[in-house]
Amino acid sequence: MALTHYAQLDEDNNVICVEIVHISNTLDADGNKNENVGIEYLKSLHGSETRWVETCRENTFRCRYAGVGMIYSPEYDVFLHKKPEEYPSWIFSEETYQWLPPIPDPELTEEEIESGYYYEWNESTVSWDLKQYEPVVEEEP
């Protein structure tokens, strides 16, 4: 069964739901899949004022599959994750359409990897902190 997916948007382009639509409800008069036909079908079900944009589980267009809480950017014609509130210093990458730290994360040495180290973003210092995983201690029964 051929299916496609559409994201419903609110007035601020926030994704509020994702609807599965049978491909037969997206075909134009010539039998070609057409996003606008799918949108009109969904409007007939949910109301003419509703707003819809097609999304793709395979991420073959619009960068990534839409999810509730994401944002549709008409400027880039992609679905975006919201900027993480806990990281106000992060910047938007127009290459990857992601929010990234202003400083790329450093690479760990082989020795650091073997010793269980990792880098964690520190927003208060706007830098990366080197941390070590805490060993898991199993309690005896």
Foldseek 3Di string as FASTA:
>chain_A
DDKWKKFWADPQQAGADIDIDHQVQQADPVRDGHQVSNVVVVCVVVNVPIDIDTAGCVCPPQNHGDDGQWGQDPVLRHTAHDDPPVAPQWDADPVNRYTGQPDDDDDDDPVCVVQAWDWDQDRVVSDIDIDHDDDDDDDDD
